[in-house]
Structure formats: C-alpha cells, structure tokens
C-alpha cells in the first residue's frame, strides 16, 4: 500500500486553493459536525477495461476516479451567508478548472493525472438550523503506468 494514497494527494492539492485558507479541519472520508470543516470523500468509480489482441480483458490506459468535495458551513435564514457558501464552491470549482487547464495537477499513485474537473455544481445536501453540508463531485482523469 502506498504511503500517501490518492485521496490524500487530491486533498493536499486542494489545499493550494486560496479559498481553502479558512479551513478549521480538512478531512478524508469524514466530515464532522462543526461549521467550516472540509473533506475529500472517495466514491465508487468504475474501472475501464478493453480486450487486448489475445482476447484478455486489460485495464484501459485512461481511467477516472471520482471524489466528493464536501464542506460543513454556517447556514440559515441569512441570505448573504448562503450566497457566500455558494460563492465559495464556485471559487473552488473555478480554481480546479484553472489549475487543470494550466497543467498544475496532483501527483497520482500508479498513474499520471491528465485532467481534474468538477462534474457537478456545489449545492446544499443536508441542512440544519445553523449549518449545512454543501458538496460537489470532482473527476480525476489519469493514465496508468
């Protein structure tokens, strides 16, 4: 098993986003109850196969891995707070797409990342009276070694 897995590599890369500086906690596969916590959460991703000339199924060179970027943030009847939450997710999504376009991509165990994209928009998924979980999905496309 690698010392640093790909979820940690993505998490570390995301910490380079200027909007992430206010993070009190940035976890992996766990998002706590406190407002202003972030997490990278792994989600099932299909492996892609092809048939080689001998008729055996082998992994395709290009693969995808999906993650959810989630945040627990203050939430309620304050319209400006809720707009700020959506703005934060828009800023992070824009940063991800800019970094991908410039080729500033995370390192990847077992492959080379060719693109990172946001495959869903940020939106509240679970809401409470004073905090909500917002999230969007990130797709990492990589070539295996």
Foldseek 3Di string as FASTA:
>chain_A
DDPAAPQNLVQVLLCPQPLLPVAPEEEECDDDDDARHKYKYFDDFDFDWDQDPVRDIDTDQKGKGKIKIKGKHWDAPPPVRVVVVQVSQVSSQVVQQVCLVVVVDTDHPQWAWNHKHWPFGWDFDADDHTITMIITMMMTMTGGD
